[in-house]
PDB file of N, CA and C in Angstrom:
ATOM      1  N   MET A   1      -2.243 -13.715  -4.902  1.00  0.00           N
ATOM      2  CA  MET A   1      -1.880 -12.673  -3.966  1.00  0.00           C
ATOM      3  C   MET A   1      -3.137 -12.085  -3.359  1.00  0.00           C
ATOM      4  N   TYR A   2      -3.236 -12.167  -2.045  1.00  0.00           N
ATOM      5  CA  TYR A   2      -4.372 -11.546  -1.374  1.00  0.00           C
ATOM      6  C   TYR A   2      -3.977 -11.112   0.019  1.00  0.00           C
ATOM      7  N   ALA A   3      -4.823 -10.279   0.610  1.00  0.00           N
ATOM      8  CA  ALA A   3      -4.624  -9.794   1.967  1.00  0.00           C
ATOM      9  C   ALA A   3      -5.977  -9.748   2.663  1.00  0.00           C
ATOM     10  N   VAL A   4      -5.937  -9.828   3.984  1.00  0.00           N
ATOM     11  CA  VAL A   4      -7.139  -9.697   4.798  1.00  0.00           C
ATOM     12  C   VAL A   4      -7.004  -8.386   5.566  1.00  0.00           C
ATOM     13  N   ILE A   5      -7.965  -7.474   5.355  1.00  0.00           N
ATOM     14  CA  ILE A   5      -7.938  -6.174   6.029  1.00  0.00           C
ATOM     15  C   ILE A   5      -9.168  -6.043   6.921  1.00  0.00           C
ATOM     16  N   ARG A   6      -9.068  -5.128   7.903  1.00  0.00           N
ATOM     17  CA  ARG A   6     -10.194  -4.864   8.783  1.00  0.00           C
ATOM     18  C   ARG A   6     -10.552  -3.384   8.678  1.00  0.00           C
ATOM     19  N   THR A   7     -11.825  -3.121   8.375  1.00  0.00           N
ATOM     20  CA  THR A   7     -12.318  -1.749   8.314  1.00  0.00           C
ATOM     21  C   THR A   7     -13.812  -1.751   8.605  1.00  0.00           C
ATOM     22  N   GLY A   8     -14.272  -0.765   9.330  1.00  0.00           N
ATOM     23  CA  GLY A   8     -15.696  -0.643   9.633  1.00  0.00           C
ATOM     24  C   GLY A   8     -16.224  -1.785  10.476  1.00  0.00           C
ATOM     25  N   GLY A   9     -15.358  -2.434  11.284  1.00  0.00           N
ATOM     26  CA  GLY A   9     -15.799  -3.532  12.127  1.00  0.00           C
ATOM     27  C   GLY A   9     -15.956  -4.849  11.388  1.00  0.00           C
ATOM     28  N   LYS A  10     -15.539  -4.901  10.129  1.00  0.00           N
ATOM     29  CA  LYS A  10     -15.643  -6.123   9.329  1.00  0.00           C
ATOM     30  C   LYS A  10     -14.276  -6.462   8.743  1.00  0.00           C
ATOM     31  N   GLN A  11     -14.122  -7.709   8.329  1.00  0.00           N
ATOM     32  CA  GLN A  11     -12.891  -8.149   7.686  1.00  0.00           C
ATOM     33  C   GLN A  11     -13.182  -8.483   6.229  1.00  0.00           C
ATOM     34  N   TYR A  12     -12.257  -8.107   5.339  1.00  0.00           N
ATOM     35  CA  TYR A  12     -12.430  -8.327   3.912  1.00  0.00           C
ATOM     36  C   TYR A  12     -11.199  -9.017   3.342  1.00  0.00           C
ATOM     37  N   LEU A  13     -11.417  -9.971   2.446  1.00  0.00           N
ATOM     38  CA  LEU A  13     -10.354 -10.614   1.692  1.00  0.00           C
ATOM     39  C   LEU A  13     -10.227  -9.864   0.371  1.00  0.00           C
ATOM     40  N   VAL A  14      -9.070  -9.222   0.133  1.00  0.00           N
ATOM     41  CA  VAL A  14      -8.910  -8.365  -1.034  1.00  0.00           C
ATOM     42  C   VAL A  14      -7.722  -8.811  -1.877  1.00  0.00           C
ATOM     43  N   THR A  15      -7.816  -8.570  -3.177  1.00  0.00           N
ATOM     44  CA  THR A  15      -6.728  -8.802  -4.119  1.00  0.00           C
ATOM     45  C   THR A  15      -6.553  -7.540  -4.954  1.00  0.00           C
ATOM     46  N   PRO A  16      -5.369  -7.294  -5.502  1.00  0.00           N
ATOM     47  CA  PRO A  16      -5.173  -6.101  -6.331  1.00  0.00           C
ATOM     48  C   PRO A  16      -6.095  -6.119  -7.554  1.00  0.00           C
ATOM     49  N   GLY A  17      -6.711  -4.981  -7.830  1.00  0.00           N
ATOM     50  CA  GLY A  17      -7.618  -4.849  -8.968  1.00  0.00           C
ATOM     51  C   GLY A  17      -9.070  -5.125  -8.629  1.00  0.00           C
ATOM     52  N   GLU A  18      -9.356  -5.577  -7.432  1.00  0.00           N
ATOM     53  CA  GLU A  18     -10.718  -5.930  -7.029  1.00  0.00           C
ATOM     54  C   GLU A  18     -11.484  -4.685  -6.583  1.00  0.00           C
ATOM     55  N   LYS A  19     -12.793  -4.657  -6.863  1.00  0.00           N
ATOM     56  CA  LYS A  19     -13.674  -3.592  -6.384  1.00  0.00           C
ATOM     57  C   LYS A  19     -14.562  -4.163  -5.289  1.00  0.00           C
ATOM     58  N   LEU A  20     -14.744  -3.391  -4.203  1.00  0.00           N
ATOM     59  CA  LEU A  20     -15.636  -3.826  -3.147  1.00  0.00           C
ATOM     60  C   LEU A  20     -16.273  -2.626  -2.470  1.00  0.00           C
ATOM     61  N   LYS A  21     -17.421  -2.874  -1.839  1.00  0.00           N
ATOM     62  CA  LYS A  21     -18.141  -1.831  -1.122  1.00  0.00           C
ATOM     63  C   LYS A  21     -17.889  -2.003   0.362  1.00  0.00           C
ATOM     64  N   ILE A  22     -17.455  -0.907   0.996  1.00  0.00           N
ATOM     65  CA  ILE A  22     -17.195  -0.918   2.431  1.00  0.00           C
ATOM     66  C   ILE A  22     -18.024   0.196   3.059  1.00  0.00           C
ATOM     67  N   GLU A  23     -18.092   0.199   4.389  1.00  0.00           N
ATOM     68  CA  GLU A  23     -18.794   1.272   5.075  1.00  0.00           C
ATOM     69  C   GLU A  23     -18.064   2.580   4.832  1.00  0.00           C
ATOM     70  N   ARG A  24     -18.795   3.673   4.875  1.00  0.00           N
ATOM     71  CA  ARG A  24     -18.206   4.975   4.581  1.00  0.00           C
ATOM     72  C   ARG A  24     -17.073   5.273   5.560  1.00  0.00           C
ATOM     73  N   THR A  25     -15.913   5.616   5.000  1.00  0.00           N
ATOM     74  CA  THR A  25     -14.753   5.985   5.805  1.00  0.00           C
ATOM     75  C   THR A  25     -14.177   7.286   5.271  1.00  0.00           C
ATOM     76  N   ALA A  26     -13.378   7.931   6.080  1.00  0.00           N
ATOM     77  CA  ALA A  26     -12.757   9.181   5.666  1.00  0.00           C
ATOM     78  C   ALA A  26     -11.690   8.905   4.625  1.00  0.00           C
ATOM     79  N   HIS A  27     -11.671   9.728   3.572  1.00  0.00           N
ATOM     80  CA  HIS A  27     -10.651   9.586   2.540  1.00  0.00           C
ATOM     81  C   HIS A  27     -10.232  10.965   2.074  1.00  0.00           C
ATOM     82  N   THR A  28      -9.006  11.049   1.545  1.00  0.00           N
ATOM     83  CA  THR A  28      -8.491  12.319   1.072  1.00  0.00           C
ATOM     84  C   THR A  28      -8.239  12.241  -0.426  1.00  0.00           C
ATOM     85  N   GLU A  29      -8.913  13.083  -1.163  1.00  0.00           N
ATOM     86  CA  GLU A  29      -8.751  13.211  -2.614  1.00  0.00           C
ATOM     87  C   GLU A  29      -8.884  11.867  -3.329  1.00  0.00           C
ATOM     88  N   GLY A  30      -9.808  11.038  -2.873  1.00  0.00           N
ATOM     89  CA  GLY A  30     -10.078   9.783  -3.560  1.00  0.00           C
ATOM     90  C   GLY A  30      -9.128   8.650  -3.244  1.00  0.00           C
ATOM     91  N   ALA A  31      -8.274   8.788  -2.238  1.00  0.00           N
ATOM     92  CA  ALA A  31      -7.324   7.725  -1.877  1.00  0.00           C
ATOM     93  C   ALA A  31      -7.574   7.269  -0.448  1.00  0.00           C
ATOM     94  N   ILE A  32      -7.570   5.954  -0.253  1.00  0.00           N
ATOM     95  CA  ILE A  32      -7.734   5.366   1.079  1.00  0.00           C
ATOM     96  C   ILE A  32      -6.571   4.414   1.315  1.00  0.00           C
ATOM     97  N   GLU A  33      -6.063   4.434   2.543  1.00  0.00           N
ATOM     98  CA  GLU A  33      -4.977   3.531   2.917  1.00  0.00           C
ATOM     99  C   GLU A  33      -5.417   2.724   4.131  1.00  0.00           C
ATOM    100  N   PHE A  34      -5.396   1.403   4.004  1.00  0.00           N
ATOM    101  CA  PHE A  34      -5.766   0.509   5.099  1.00  0.00           C
ATOM    102  C   PHE A  34      -4.487  -0.012   5.742  1.00  0.00           C
ATOM    103  N   SER A  35      -4.270   0.352   7.005  1.00  0.00           N
ATOM    104  CA  SER A  35      -3.058  -0.098   7.691  1.00  0.00           C
ATOM    105  C   SER A  35      -3.332  -1.260   8.640  1.00  0.00           C
ATOM    106  N   ASP A  36      -4.595  -1.577   8.863  1.00  0.00           N
ATOM    107  CA  ASP A  36      -4.951  -2.699   9.740  1.00  0.00           C
ATOM    108  C   ASP A  36      -5.038  -3.976   8.891  1.00  0.00           C
ATOM    109  N   VAL A  37      -3.872  -4.541   8.575  1.00  0.00           N
ATOM    110  CA  VAL A  37      -3.774  -5.740   7.749  1.00  0.00           C
ATOM    111  C   VAL A  37      -3.591  -6.940   8.672  1.00  0.00           C
ATOM    112  N   LEU A  38      -4.455  -7.941   8.537  1.00  0.00           N
ATOM    113  CA  LEU A  38      -4.424  -9.098   9.423  1.00  0.00           C
ATOM    114  C   LEU A  38      -3.585 -10.240   8.871  1.00  0.00           C
ATOM    115  N   ALA A  39      -3.574 -10.434   7.545  1.00  0.00           N
ATOM    116  CA  ALA A  39      -2.804 -11.511   6.930  1.00  0.00           C
ATOM    117  C   ALA A  39      -2.503 -11.155   5.485  1.00  0.00           C
ATOM    118  N   VAL A  40      -1.352 -11.639   4.998  1.00  0.00           N
ATOM    119  CA  VAL A  40      -0.970 -11.438   3.600  1.00  0.00           C
ATOM    120  C   VAL A  40      -0.434 -12.761   3.074  1.00  0.00           C
ATOM    121  N   SER A  41      -0.889 -13.152   1.876  1.00  0.00           N
ATOM    122  CA  SER A  41      -0.430 -14.373   1.242  1.00  0.00           C
ATOM    123  C   SER A  41       0.083 -14.048  -0.148  1.00  0.00           C
ATOM    124  N   PRO A  42       1.416 -14.077  -0.371  1.00  0.00           N
ATOM    125  CA  PRO A  42       1.947 -13.765  -1.703  1.00  0.00           C
ATOM    126  C   PRO A  42       1.681 -14.870  -2.723  1.00  0.00           C
ATOM    127  N   GLU A  43       1.558 -16.108  -2.273  1.00  0.00           N
ATOM    128  CA  GLU A  43       1.207 -17.215  -3.165  1.00  0.00           C
ATOM    129  C   GLU A  43       0.337 -18.192  -2.387  1.00  0.00           C
ATOM    130  N   ALA A  44      -0.370 -19.052  -3.109  1.00  0.00           N
ATOM    131  CA  ALA A  44      -1.354 -19.942  -2.494  1.00  0.00           C
ATOM    132  C   ALA A  44      -0.717 -20.836  -1.432  1.00  0.00           C
ATOM    133  N   GLY A  45      -1.306 -20.848  -0.249  1.00  0.00           N
ATOM    134  CA  GLY A  45      -0.864 -21.730   0.820  1.00  0.00           C
ATOM    135  C   GLY A  45       0.258 -21.200   1.685  1.00  0.00           C
ATOM    136  N   LYS A  46       0.837 -20.036   1.372  1.00  0.00           N
ATOM    137  CA  LYS A  46       1.930 -19.479   2.164  1.00  0.00           C
ATOM    138  C   LYS A  46       1.534 -18.096   2.658  1.00  0.00           C
ATOM    139  N   PHE A  47       1.878 -17.820   3.926  1.00  0.00           N
ATOM    140  CA  PHE A  47       1.555 -16.531   4.526  1.00  0.00           C
ATOM    141  C   PHE A  47       2.835 -15.846   4.977  1.00  0.00           C
ATOM    142  N   GLU A  48       2.820 -14.524   4.955  1.00  0.00           N
ATOM    143  CA  GLU A  48       3.941 -13.735   5.461  1.00  0.00           C
ATOM    144  C   GLU A  48       3.973 -13.852   6.969  1.00  0.00           C
ATOM    145  N   SER A  49       5.170 -14.059   7.531  1.00  0.00           N
ATOM    146  CA  SER A  49       5.277 -14.241   8.978  1.00  0.00           C
ATOM    147  C   SER A  49       5.230 -12.911   9.727  1.00  0.00           C
ATOM    148  N   SER A  50       5.872 -11.865   9.197  1.00  0.00           N
ATOM    149  CA  SER A  50       5.823 -10.560   9.861  1.00  0.00           C
ATOM    150  C   SER A  50       5.078  -9.570   8.965  1.00  0.00           C
ATOM    151  N   LEU A  51       4.241  -8.777   9.588  1.00  0.00           N
ATOM    152  CA  LEU A  51       3.435  -7.797   8.851  1.00  0.00           C
ATOM    153  C   LEU A  51       3.837  -6.372   9.214  1.00  0.00           C
ATOM    154  N   ASP A  52       5.139  -6.150   9.429  1.00  0.00           N
ATOM    155  CA  ASP A  52       5.615  -4.821   9.789  1.00  0.00           C
ATOM    156  C   ASP A  52       5.435  -3.859   8.627  1.00  0.00           C
ATOM    157  N   GLY A  53       4.728  -2.784   8.864  1.00  0.00           N
ATOM    158  CA  GLY A  53       4.506  -1.769   7.839  1.00  0.00           C
ATOM    159  C   GLY A  53       3.608  -2.221   6.699  1.00  0.00           C
ATOM    160  N   ALA A  54       2.825  -3.259   6.915  1.00  0.00           N
ATOM    161  CA  ALA A  54       1.926  -3.742   5.858  1.00  0.00           C
ATOM    162  C   ALA A  54       0.773  -2.778   5.686  1.00  0.00           C
ATOM    163  N   LYS A  55       0.437  -2.486   4.437  1.00  0.00           N
ATOM    164  CA  LYS A  55      -0.700  -1.617   4.164  1.00  0.00           C
ATOM    165  C   LYS A  55      -1.273  -1.937   2.802  1.00  0.00           C
ATOM    166  N   VAL A  56      -2.520  -1.552   2.614  1.00  0.00           N
ATOM    167  CA  VAL A  56      -3.230  -1.745   1.358  1.00  0.00           C
ATOM    168  C   VAL A  56      -3.718  -0.380   0.910  1.00  0.00           C
ATOM    169  N   THR A  57      -3.429  -0.014  -0.338  1.00  0.00           N
ATOM    170  CA  THR A  57      -3.872   1.272  -0.865  1.00  0.00           C
ATOM    171  C   THR A  57      -5.008   1.049  -1.853  1.00  0.00           C
ATOM    172  N   ALA A  58      -5.936   2.001  -1.869  1.00  0.00           N
ATOM    173  CA  ALA A  58      -7.112   1.889  -2.732  1.00  0.00           C
ATOM    174  C   ALA A  58      -7.537   3.277  -3.177  1.00  0.00           C
ATOM    175  N   THR A  59      -8.321   3.319  -4.256  1.00  0.00           N
ATOM    176  CA  THR A  59      -8.898   4.575  -4.726  1.00  0.00           C
ATOM    177  C   THR A  59     -10.417   4.463  -4.680  1.00  0.00           C
ATOM    178  N   VAL A  60     -11.070   5.578  -4.428  1.00  0.00           N
ATOM    179  CA  VAL A  60     -12.523   5.620  -4.331  1.00  0.00           C
ATOM    180  C   VAL A  60     -13.118   5.662  -5.739  1.00  0.00           C
ATOM    181  N   VAL A  61     -14.055   4.752  -5.999  1.00  0.00           N
ATOM    182  CA  VAL A  61     -14.745   4.721  -7.287  1.00  0.00           C
ATOM    183  C   VAL A  61     -16.031   5.522  -7.190  1.00  0.00           C
ATOM    184  N   THR A  62     -16.899   5.162  -6.238  1.00  0.00           N
ATOM    185  CA  THR A  62     -18.162   5.881  -6.032  1.00  0.00           C
ATOM    186  C   THR A  62     -18.510   5.896  -4.548  1.00  0.00           C
ATOM    187  N   GLU A  63     -19.445   6.770  -4.219  1.00  0.00           N
ATOM    188  CA  GLU A  63     -20.047   6.789  -2.893  1.00  0.00           C
ATOM    189  C   GLU A  63     -21.549   6.693  -3.079  1.00  0.00           C
ATOM    190  N   GLY A  64     -22.230   6.103  -2.130  1.00  0.00           N
ATOM    191  CA  GLY A  64     -23.675   5.996  -2.263  1.00  0.00           C
ATOM    192  C   GLY A  64     -24.322   5.427  -1.017  1.00  0.00           C
ATOM    193  N   ARG A  65     -25.558   4.947  -1.215  1.00  0.00           N
ATOM    194  CA  ARG A  65     -26.319   4.355  -0.125  1.00  0.00           C
ATOM    195  C   ARG A  65     -26.972   3.078  -0.631  1.00  0.00           C
ATOM    196  N   TYR A  66     -27.018   2.068   0.239  1.00  0.00           N
ATOM    197  CA  TYR A  66     -27.689   0.817  -0.101  1.00  0.00           C
ATOM    198  C   TYR A  66     -29.198   1.040  -0.157  1.00  0.00           C
ATOM    199  N   ASP A  67     -29.940   0.028  -0.594  1.00  0.00           N
ATOM    200  CA  ASP A  67     -31.392   0.084  -0.604  1.00  0.00           C
ATOM    201  C   ASP A  67     -31.913   0.148   0.828  1.00  0.00           C
ATOM    202  N   LYS A  68     -33.135   0.643   0.957  1.00  0.00           N
ATOM    203  CA  LYS A  68     -33.732   0.785   2.278  1.00  0.00           C
ATOM    204  C   LYS A  68     -34.099  -0.574   2.862  1.00  0.00           C
ATOM    205  N   ILE A  69     -33.796  -0.746   4.134  1.00  0.00           N
ATOM    206  CA  ILE A  69     -34.173  -1.940   4.877  1.00  0.00           C
ATOM    207  C   ILE A  69     -35.259  -1.523   5.863  1.00  0.00           C
ATOM    208  N   LEU A  70     -36.389  -2.240   5.871  1.00  0.00           N
ATOM    209  CA  LEU A  70     -37.473  -1.931   6.788  1.00  0.00           C
ATOM    210  C   LEU A  70     -37.379  -2.819   8.022  1.00  0.00           C
ATOM    211  N   VAL A  71     -37.513  -2.187   9.187  1.00  0.00           N
ATOM    212  CA  VAL A  71     -37.495  -2.895  10.459  1.00  0.00           C
ATOM    213  C   VAL A  71     -38.880  -2.734  11.073  1.00  0.00           C
ATOM    214  N   PHE A  72     -39.551  -3.833  11.343  1.00  0.00           N
ATOM    215  CA  PHE A  72     -40.903  -3.797  11.903  1.00  0.00           C
ATOM    216  C   PHE A  72     -40.902  -4.529  13.231  1.00  0.00           C
ATOM    217  N   LYS A  73     -41.332  -3.830  14.291  1.00  0.00           N
ATOM    218  CA  LYS A  73     -41.418  -4.429  15.621  1.00  0.00           C
ATOM    219  C   LYS A  73     -42.881  -4.515  16.020  1.00  0.00           C
ATOM    220  N   LEU A  74     -43.254  -5.635  16.629  1.00  0.00           N
ATOM    221  CA  LEU A  74     -44.634  -5.867  17.013  1.00  0.00           C
ATOM    222  C   LEU A  74     -44.677  -6.639  18.321  1.00  0.00           C
ATOM    223  N   LYS A  75     -45.497  -6.149  19.241  1.00  0.00           N
ATOM    224  CA  LYS A  75     -45.795  -6.909  20.455  1.00  0.00           C
ATOM    225  C   LYS A  75     -47.279  -7.213  20.426  1.00  0.00           C
ATOM    226  N   ARG A  76     -47.612  -8.462  20.229  1.00  0.00           N
ATOM    227  CA  ARG A  76     -49.020  -8.807  20.070  1.00  0.00           C
ATOM    228  C   ARG A  76     -49.769  -8.646  21.388  1.00  0.00           C
ATOM    229  N   LYS A  77     -51.013  -8.342  21.256  1.00  0.00           N
ATOM    230  CA  LYS A  77     -51.957  -8.118  22.356  1.00  0.00           C
ATOM    231  C   LYS A  77     -51.636  -6.878  23.188  1.00  0.00           C
ATOM    232  N   LYS A  78     -50.611  -6.095  22.796  1.00  0.00           N
ATOM    233  CA  LYS A  78     -50.252  -4.893  23.562  1.00  0.00           C
ATOM    234  C   LYS A  78     -50.454  -3.618  22.740  1.00  0.00           C
ATOM    235  N   GLN A  79     -50.933  -3.754  21.513  1.00  0.00           N
ATOM    236  CA  GLN A  79     -51.168  -2.623  20.617  1.00  0.00           C
ATOM    237  C   GLN A  79     -49.887  -1.819  20.367  1.00  0.00           C
ATOM    238  N   TYR A  80     -48.768  -2.527  20.249  1.00  0.00           N
ATOM    239  CA  TYR A  80     -47.493  -1.873  19.992  1.00  0.00           C
ATOM    240  C   TYR A  80     -46.975  -2.301  18.618  1.00  0.00           C
ATOM    241  N   LYS A  81     -46.817  -1.317  17.733  1.00  0.00           N
ATOM    242  CA  LYS A  81     -46.250  -1.551  16.415  1.00  0.00           C
ATOM    243  C   LYS A  81     -45.299  -0.411  16.108  1.00  0.00           C
ATOM    244  N   LYS A  82     -44.168  -0.742  15.511  1.00  0.00           N
ATOM    245  CA  LYS A  82     -43.213   0.288  15.147  1.00  0.00           C
ATOM    246  C   LYS A  82     -42.559  -0.087  13.823  1.00  0.00           C
ATOM    247  N   MET A  83     -42.587   0.831  12.874  1.00  0.00           N
ATOM    248  CA  MET A  83     -41.958   0.627  11.564  1.00  0.00           C
ATOM    249  C   MET A  83     -40.833   1.643  11.434  1.00  0.00           C
ATOM    250  N   GLN A  84     -39.667   1.159  11.053  1.00  0.00           N
ATOM    251  CA  GLN A  84     -38.524   2.052  10.906  1.00  0.00           C
ATOM    252  C   GLN A  84     -37.730   1.634   9.673  1.00  0.00           C
ATOM    253  N   GLY A  85     -37.212   2.602   8.946  1.00  0.00           N
ATOM    254  CA  GLY A  85     -36.398   2.325   7.763  1.00  0.00           C
ATOM    255  C   GLY A  85     -34.964   2.773   7.977  1.00  0.00           C
ATOM    256  N   HIS A  86     -34.039   2.138   7.236  1.00  0.00           N
ATOM    257  CA  HIS A  86     -32.626   2.472   7.381  1.00  0.00           C
ATOM    258  C   HIS A  86     -31.924   2.281   6.045  1.00  0.00           C
ATOM    259  N   ARG A  87     -31.068   3.239   5.674  1.00  0.00           N
ATOM    260  CA  ARG A  87     -30.221   3.121   4.487  1.00  0.00           C
ATOM    261  C   ARG A  87     -28.782   3.322   4.927  1.00  0.00           C
ATOM    262  N   GLN A  88     -27.947   2.317   4.662  1.00  0.00           N
ATOM    263  CA  GLN A  88     -26.548   2.362   5.066  1.00  0.00           C
ATOM    264  C   GLN A  88     -25.707   3.050   3.989  1.00  0.00           C
ATOM    265  N   ASN A  89     -24.795   3.919   4.400  1.00  0.00           N
ATOM    266  CA  ASN A  89     -23.879   4.573   3.471  1.00  0.00           C
ATOM    267  C   ASN A  89     -22.740   3.620   3.108  1.00  0.00           C
ATOM    268  N   PHE A  90     -22.214   3.749   1.889  1.00  0.00           N
ATOM    269  CA  PHE A  90     -21.075   2.934   1.500  1.00  0.00           C
ATOM    270  C   PHE A  90     -20.135   3.722   0.604  1.00  0.00           C
ATOM    271  N   VAL A  91     -18.918   3.208   0.496  1.00  0.00           N
ATOM    272  CA  VAL A  91     -17.913   3.725  -0.423  1.00  0.00           C
ATOM    273  C   VAL A  91     -17.417   2.534  -1.232  1.00  0.00           C
ATOM    274  N   GLU A  92     -17.474   2.636  -2.560  1.00  0.00           N
ATOM    275  CA  GLU A  92     -16.935   1.569  -3.399  1.00  0.00           C
ATOM    276  C   GLU A  92     -15.488   1.915  -3.727  1.00  0.00           C
ATOM    277  N   VAL A  93     -14.575   0.990  -3.420  1.00  0.00           N
ATOM    278  CA  VAL A  93     -13.150   1.230  -3.633  1.00  0.00           C
ATOM    279  C   VAL A  93     -12.564   0.182  -4.562  1.00  0.00           C
ATOM    280  N   LYS A  94     -11.486   0.569  -5.229  1.00  0.00           N
ATOM    281  CA  LYS A  94     -10.723  -0.365  -6.063  1.00  0.00           C
ATOM    282  C   LYS A  94      -9.353  -0.522  -5.429  1.00  0.00           C
ATOM    283  N   ILE A  95      -8.972  -1.764  -5.137  1.00  0.00           N
ATOM    284  CA  ILE A  95      -7.698  -2.049  -4.489  1.00  0.00           C
ATOM    285  C   ILE A  95      -6.585  -1.904  -5.528  1.00  0.00           C
ATOM    286  N   ASN A  96      -5.604  -1.034  -5.236  1.00  0.00           N
ATOM    287  CA  ASN A  96      -4.508  -0.784  -6.167  1.00  0.00           C
ATOM    288  C   ASN A  96      -3.275  -1.612  -5.847  1.00  0.00           C
ATOM    289  N   GLU A  97      -2.895  -1.646  -4.559  1.00  0.00           N
ATOM    290  CA  GLU A  97      -1.591  -2.200  -4.219  1.00  0.00           C
ATOM    291  C   GLU A  97      -1.603  -2.757  -2.803  1.00  0.00           C
ATOM    292  N   ILE A  98      -0.858  -3.850  -2.615  1.00  0.00           N
ATOM    293  CA  ILE A  98      -0.644  -4.429  -1.294  1.00  0.00           C
ATOM    294  C   ILE A  98       0.852  -4.351  -1.022  1.00  0.00           C
ATOM    295  N   ILE A  99       1.233  -3.699   0.073  1.00  0.00           N
ATOM    296  CA  ILE A  99       2.637  -3.509   0.413  1.00  0.00           C
ATOM    297  C   ILE A  99       2.914  -4.224   1.727  1.00  0.00           C
ATOM    298  N   VAL A 100       3.936  -5.114   1.736  1.00  0.00           N
ATOM    299  CA  VAL A 100       4.322  -5.825   2.944  1.00  0.00           C
ATOM    300  C   VAL A 100       5.817  -6.130   2.878  1.00  0.00           C
ATOM    301  N   ASN A 101       6.515  -5.837   3.975  1.00  0.00           N
ATOM    302  CA  ASN A 101       7.958  -6.096   4.104  1.00  0.00           C
ATOM    303  C   ASN A 101       8.764  -5.523   2.934  1.00  0.00           C
ATOM    304  N   GLY A 102       8.395  -4.338   2.483  1.00  0.00           N
ATOM    305  CA  GLY A 102       9.127  -3.698   1.396  1.00  0.00           C
ATOM    306  C   GLY A 102       8.778  -4.213   0.012  1.00  0.00           C
ATOM    307  N   LYS A 103       7.931  -5.245  -0.083  1.00  0.00           N
ATOM    308  CA  LYS A 103       7.518  -5.783  -1.377  1.00  0.00           C
ATOM    309  C   LYS A 103       6.153  -5.194  -1.748  1.00  0.00           C
ATOM    310  N   SER A 104       5.980  -4.915  -3.028  1.00  0.00           N
ATOM    311  CA  SER A 104       4.742  -4.329  -3.515  1.00  0.00           C
ATOM    312  C   SER A 104       4.083  -5.289  -4.503  1.00  0.00           C
ATOM    313  N   PHE A 105       2.796  -5.523  -4.323  1.00  0.00           N
ATOM    314  CA  PHE A 105       2.032  -6.378  -5.227  1.00  0.00           C
ATOM    315  C   PHE A 105       0.935  -5.532  -5.848  1.00  0.00           C
ATOM    316  N   LYS A 106       0.959  -5.424  -7.177  1.00  0.00           N
ATOM    317  CA  LYS A 106      -0.032  -4.618  -7.898  1.00  0.00           C
ATOM    318  C   LYS A 106      -0.860  -5.527  -8.788  1.00  0.00           C
ATOM    319  N   GLU A 107      -1.848  -4.912  -9.474  1.00  0.00           N
ATOM    320  CA  GLU A 107      -2.782  -5.669 -10.321  1.00  0.00           C
ATOM    321  C   GLU A 107      -2.079  -6.345 -11.485  1.00  0.00           C
ATOM    322  N   GLU A 108      -1.114  -5.664 -12.109  1.00  0.00           N
ATOM    323  CA  GLU A 108      -0.434  -6.247 -13.268  1.00  0.00           C
ATOM    324  C   GLU A 108       0.330  -7.506 -12.882  1.00  0.00           C
ATOM    325  N   ALA A 109       0.947  -7.498 -11.708  1.00  0.00           N
ATOM    326  CA  ALA A 109       1.721  -8.656 -11.263  1.00  0.00           C
ATOM    327  C   ALA A 109       0.817  -9.819 -10.895  1.00  0.00           C
ATOM    328  N   ALA A 110      -0.416  -9.523 -10.477  1.00  0.00           N
ATOM    329  CA  ALA A 110      -1.337 -10.585 -10.079  1.00  0.00           C
ATOM    330  C   ALA A 110      -1.852 -11.360 -11.280  1.00  0.00           C
ATOM    331  N   LYS A 111      -1.922 -10.722 -12.451  1.00  0.00           N
ATOM    332  CA  LYS A 111      -2.439 -11.399 -13.646  1.00  0.00           C
ATOM    333  C   LYS A 111      -1.362 -12.102 -14.348  1.00  0.00           C
TER     334      LYS A 111
END
């Protein structure tokens, strides 16, 4: 059982019980609901034909920032150098449930 969701401009393949880091998004009291579901597969090789009301629910585990990435720009012979650092924010979530067409798939059922 898995689903493909879109959040933060990226697509993720998720299964119930899985932990993943996504870009920081708004959440209320530690719960996030992803309604932009692109595909759902209840068993290997088969996909749901209609995704009406499909959603994925998750809980927030931690929030943080990735390691610093250094960006260095150089134009030779022009005496131009620029060093810049960047740290991306993230939210680590645990996928609880995938709901599609009135059916619910949770971690216990996946094992």
